[in-house]
């Protein structure tokens, strides 16, 4: 007979819930960090695009614009 007390069962239940909550929290943090990283990358790319426009460099502009489209897709915009 391996019966557990009410207190032990409550502790086990709380630990299981905490594990699920930690997973969701970790997932949310990972998504937030990925979005921040993509936004920083996008800002750098926009500055490079502005520079290519200022220097009238069409090839660089088109290349950077393609990269911007890819980043926007990854951001869901």
N, C-alpha and C. Protein backbone atom coordinates (compact mmCIF):
# COMPACT_ATOMS: atom_id res chain seq x y z
N UNK A 1 0.83 -1.18 0.00
CA UNK A 1 0.00 0.00 0.00
C UNK A 1 0.87 1.24 0.00
N UNK A 2 0.77 1.96 -1.08
CA UNK A 2 1.56 3.17 -1.23
C UNK A 2 0.62 4.35 -1.35
N UNK A 3 -0.18 4.57 -0.31
CA UNK A 3 -1.14 5.66 -0.33
C UNK A 3 -0.45 6.95 0.12
N UNK A 4 -0.76 8.01 -0.58
CA UNK A 4 -0.16 9.30 -0.26
C UNK A 4 -1.18 10.15 0.50
N UNK A 5 -0.65 10.97 1.36
CA UNK A 5 -1.53 11.84 2.12
C UNK A 5 -2.06 12.96 1.22
N UNK A 6 -3.06 13.64 1.69
CA UNK A 6 -3.65 14.76 0.95
C UNK A 6 -2.60 15.83 0.68
N UNK A 7 -1.76 16.12 1.67
CA UNK A 7 -0.72 17.13 1.54
C UNK A 7 0.27 16.74 0.45
N UNK A 8 0.68 15.49 0.44
CA UNK A 8 1.62 15.03 -0.59
C UNK A 8 1.02 15.13 -1.98
N UNK A 9 -0.25 14.76 -2.11
CA UNK A 9 -0.93 14.85 -3.40
C UNK A 9 -1.04 16.30 -3.87
N UNK A 10 -1.31 17.22 -2.95
CA UNK A 10 -1.40 18.64 -3.30
C UNK A 10 -0.04 19.16 -3.77
N UNK A 11 1.03 18.74 -3.11
CA UNK A 11 2.38 19.17 -3.51
C UNK A 11 2.71 18.66 -4.91
N UNK A 12 2.37 17.42 -5.18
CA UNK A 12 2.64 16.84 -6.51
C UNK A 12 1.86 17.59 -7.58
N UNK A 13 0.60 17.89 -7.30
CA UNK A 13 -0.23 18.63 -8.25
C UNK A 13 0.31 20.02 -8.52
N UNK A 14 0.77 20.69 -7.46
CA UNK A 14 1.32 22.03 -7.61
C UNK A 14 2.60 22.01 -8.44
N UNK A 15 3.43 21.00 -8.24
CA UNK A 15 4.68 20.90 -9.00
C UNK A 15 4.40 20.67 -10.48
N UNK A 16 3.38 19.86 -10.78
CA UNK A 16 3.03 19.61 -12.18
C UNK A 16 2.53 20.89 -12.85
N UNK A 17 1.67 21.64 -12.15
CA UNK A 17 1.16 22.89 -12.70
C UNK A 17 2.29 23.89 -12.91
N UNK A 18 3.21 23.94 -11.96
CA UNK A 18 4.32 24.88 -12.07
C UNK A 18 5.20 24.53 -13.27
N UNK A 19 5.39 23.26 -13.55
CA UNK A 19 6.17 22.84 -14.71
C UNK A 19 5.54 23.31 -16.00
N UNK A 20 4.21 23.21 -16.11
CA UNK A 20 3.50 23.67 -17.30
C UNK A 20 3.58 25.19 -17.43
N UNK A 21 3.43 25.89 -16.31
CA UNK A 21 3.50 27.34 -16.33
C UNK A 21 4.90 27.81 -16.73
N UNK A 22 5.92 27.11 -16.23
CA UNK A 22 7.29 27.48 -16.60
C UNK A 22 7.53 27.28 -18.09
N UNK A 23 6.98 26.22 -18.65
CA UNK A 23 7.14 25.95 -20.08
C UNK A 23 6.52 27.07 -20.90
N UNK A 24 5.31 27.47 -20.54
CA UNK A 24 4.61 28.53 -21.27
C UNK A 24 5.38 29.84 -21.12
N UNK A 25 5.85 30.11 -19.91
CA UNK A 25 6.61 31.34 -19.67
C UNK A 25 7.91 31.34 -20.48
N UNK A 26 8.61 30.21 -20.51
CA UNK A 26 9.84 30.11 -21.30
C UNK A 26 9.56 30.29 -22.78
N UNK A 27 8.45 29.74 -23.25
CA UNK A 27 8.06 29.88 -24.65
C UNK A 27 7.78 31.34 -24.98
N UNK A 28 7.07 32.02 -24.09
CA UNK A 28 6.75 33.43 -24.29
C UNK A 28 8.01 34.28 -24.32
N UNK A 29 8.94 34.01 -23.40
CA UNK A 29 10.20 34.76 -23.35
C UNK A 29 10.99 34.53 -24.63
N UNK A 30 11.03 33.30 -25.11
CA UNK A 30 11.75 32.98 -26.34
C UNK A 30 11.15 33.72 -27.53
N UNK A 31 9.82 33.76 -27.61
CA UNK A 31 9.15 34.48 -28.70
C UNK A 31 9.44 35.98 -28.62
N UNK A 32 9.43 36.52 -27.42
CA UNK A 32 9.69 37.95 -27.23
C UNK A 32 11.12 38.30 -27.65
N UNK A 33 12.08 37.48 -27.25
CA UNK A 33 13.48 37.73 -27.62
C UNK A 33 13.69 37.62 -29.13
N UNK A 34 13.02 36.66 -29.75
CA UNK A 34 13.12 36.52 -31.21
C UNK A 34 12.57 37.75 -31.92
N UNK A 35 11.45 38.25 -31.42
CA UNK A 35 10.85 39.44 -32.04
C UNK A 35 11.76 40.66 -31.87
N UNK A 36 12.34 40.80 -30.69
CA UNK A 36 13.27 41.92 -30.45
C UNK A 36 14.46 41.82 -31.40
N UNK A 37 15.01 40.63 -31.53
CA UNK A 37 16.16 40.43 -32.41
C UNK A 37 15.81 40.77 -33.86
N UNK A 38 14.65 40.34 -34.32
CA UNK A 38 14.23 40.65 -35.68
C UNK A 38 14.01 42.14 -35.88
N UNK A 39 13.45 42.81 -34.88
CA UNK A 39 13.23 44.26 -34.99
C UNK A 39 14.55 45.02 -35.05
N UNK A 40 15.54 44.57 -34.28
CA UNK A 40 16.86 45.21 -34.32
C UNK A 40 17.49 44.99 -35.70
N UNK A 41 17.37 43.76 -36.20
CA UNK A 41 17.91 43.45 -37.53
C UNK A 41 17.21 44.29 -38.60
N UNK A 42 15.91 44.48 -38.45
CA UNK A 42 15.13 45.27 -39.40
C UNK A 42 15.58 46.73 -39.38
N UNK A 43 15.80 47.29 -38.21
CA UNK A 43 16.25 48.68 -38.09
C UNK A 43 17.61 48.88 -38.75
N UNK A 44 18.53 47.95 -38.54
CA UNK A 44 19.84 48.04 -39.18
C UNK A 44 19.71 47.97 -40.69
N UNK A 45 18.84 47.09 -41.15
CA UNK A 45 18.62 46.93 -42.58
C UNK A 45 18.01 48.19 -43.19
N UNK A 46 17.08 48.81 -42.49
CA UNK A 46 16.47 50.04 -42.99
C UNK A 46 17.51 51.16 -43.11
N UNK A 47 18.45 51.22 -42.18
CA UNK A 47 19.52 52.22 -42.27
C UNK A 47 20.41 51.94 -43.48
N UNK A 48 20.69 50.66 -43.74
CA UNK A 48 21.49 50.31 -44.91
C UNK A 48 20.75 50.64 -46.20
N UNK A 49 19.45 50.44 -46.21
CA UNK A 49 18.64 50.77 -47.38
C UNK A 49 18.68 52.28 -47.62
N UNK A 50 18.54 53.05 -46.55
CA UNK A 50 18.62 54.51 -46.68
C UNK A 50 19.97 54.93 -47.25
N UNK A 51 21.02 54.29 -46.80
CA UNK A 51 22.37 54.61 -47.29
C UNK A 51 22.48 54.25 -48.78
N UNK A 52 21.94 53.11 -49.18
CA UNK A 52 21.97 52.71 -50.59
C UNK A 52 21.20 53.71 -51.45
N UNK A 53 20.09 54.21 -50.94
CA UNK A 53 19.32 55.21 -51.67
C UNK A 53 20.14 56.50 -51.79
N UNK A 54 20.76 56.92 -50.69
CA UNK A 54 21.57 58.13 -50.72
C UNK A 54 22.71 58.05 -51.73
N UNK A 55 23.28 56.84 -51.87
CA UNK A 55 24.40 56.65 -52.81
C UNK A 55 23.94 56.19 -54.18
N UNK A 56 22.62 56.12 -54.38
CA UNK A 56 22.01 55.71 -55.64
C UNK A 56 22.54 54.35 -56.14
N UNK A 57 22.67 53.43 -55.18
CA UNK A 57 23.16 52.08 -55.48
C UNK A 57 21.96 51.15 -55.63
N UNK A 58 21.51 50.98 -56.89
CA UNK A 58 20.30 50.19 -57.15
C UNK A 58 20.47 48.73 -56.77
N UNK A 59 21.61 48.14 -57.10
CA UNK A 59 21.82 46.72 -56.82
C UNK A 59 21.76 46.45 -55.31
N UNK A 60 22.43 47.27 -54.55
CA UNK A 60 22.43 47.11 -53.10
C UNK A 60 21.02 47.33 -52.55
N UNK A 61 20.33 48.32 -53.10
CA UNK A 61 18.96 48.61 -52.67
C UNK A 61 18.05 47.40 -52.90
N UNK A 62 18.12 46.81 -54.09
CA UNK A 62 17.27 45.66 -54.39
C UNK A 62 17.62 44.47 -53.50
N UNK A 63 18.90 44.23 -53.28
CA UNK A 63 19.33 43.13 -52.43
C UNK A 63 18.83 43.32 -51.00
N UNK A 64 19.02 44.52 -50.47
CA UNK A 64 18.58 44.80 -49.11
C UNK A 64 17.06 44.79 -48.99
N UNK A 65 16.38 45.22 -50.03
CA UNK A 65 14.91 45.20 -50.02
C UNK A 65 14.38 43.77 -49.96
N UNK A 66 15.04 42.86 -50.65
CA UNK A 66 14.64 41.45 -50.59
C UNK A 66 14.81 40.91 -49.17
N UNK A 67 15.91 41.29 -48.54
CA UNK A 67 16.13 40.86 -47.16
C UNK A 67 15.08 41.44 -46.22
N UNK A 68 14.68 42.68 -46.49
CA UNK A 68 13.65 43.32 -45.68
C UNK A 68 12.31 42.58 -45.81
N UNK A 69 11.99 42.16 -47.02
CA UNK A 69 10.76 41.40 -47.24
C UNK A 69 10.79 40.09 -46.44
N UNK A 70 11.94 39.42 -46.42
CA UNK A 70 12.08 38.18 -45.66
C UNK A 70 11.89 38.42 -44.17
N UNK A 71 12.49 39.48 -43.66
CA UNK A 71 12.36 39.80 -42.23
C UNK A 71 10.91 40.14 -41.91
N UNK A 72 10.24 40.88 -42.78
CA UNK A 72 8.83 41.22 -42.55
C UNK A 72 7.96 39.96 -42.52
N UNK A 73 8.29 38.99 -43.37
CA UNK A 73 7.55 37.72 -43.36
C UNK A 73 7.75 36.99 -42.04
N UNK A 74 8.99 36.99 -41.56
CA UNK A 74 9.29 36.33 -40.29
C UNK A 74 8.61 37.05 -39.12
N UNK A 75 8.44 38.35 -39.24
CA UNK A 75 7.75 39.11 -38.19
C UNK A 75 6.24 38.99 -38.31
N UNK A 76 5.78 38.53 -39.46
CA UNK A 76 4.33 38.40 -39.67
C UNK A 76 3.68 39.71 -40.07
N UNK A 77 4.47 40.61 -40.67
CA UNK A 77 3.91 41.90 -41.10
C UNK A 77 3.91 42.00 -42.61
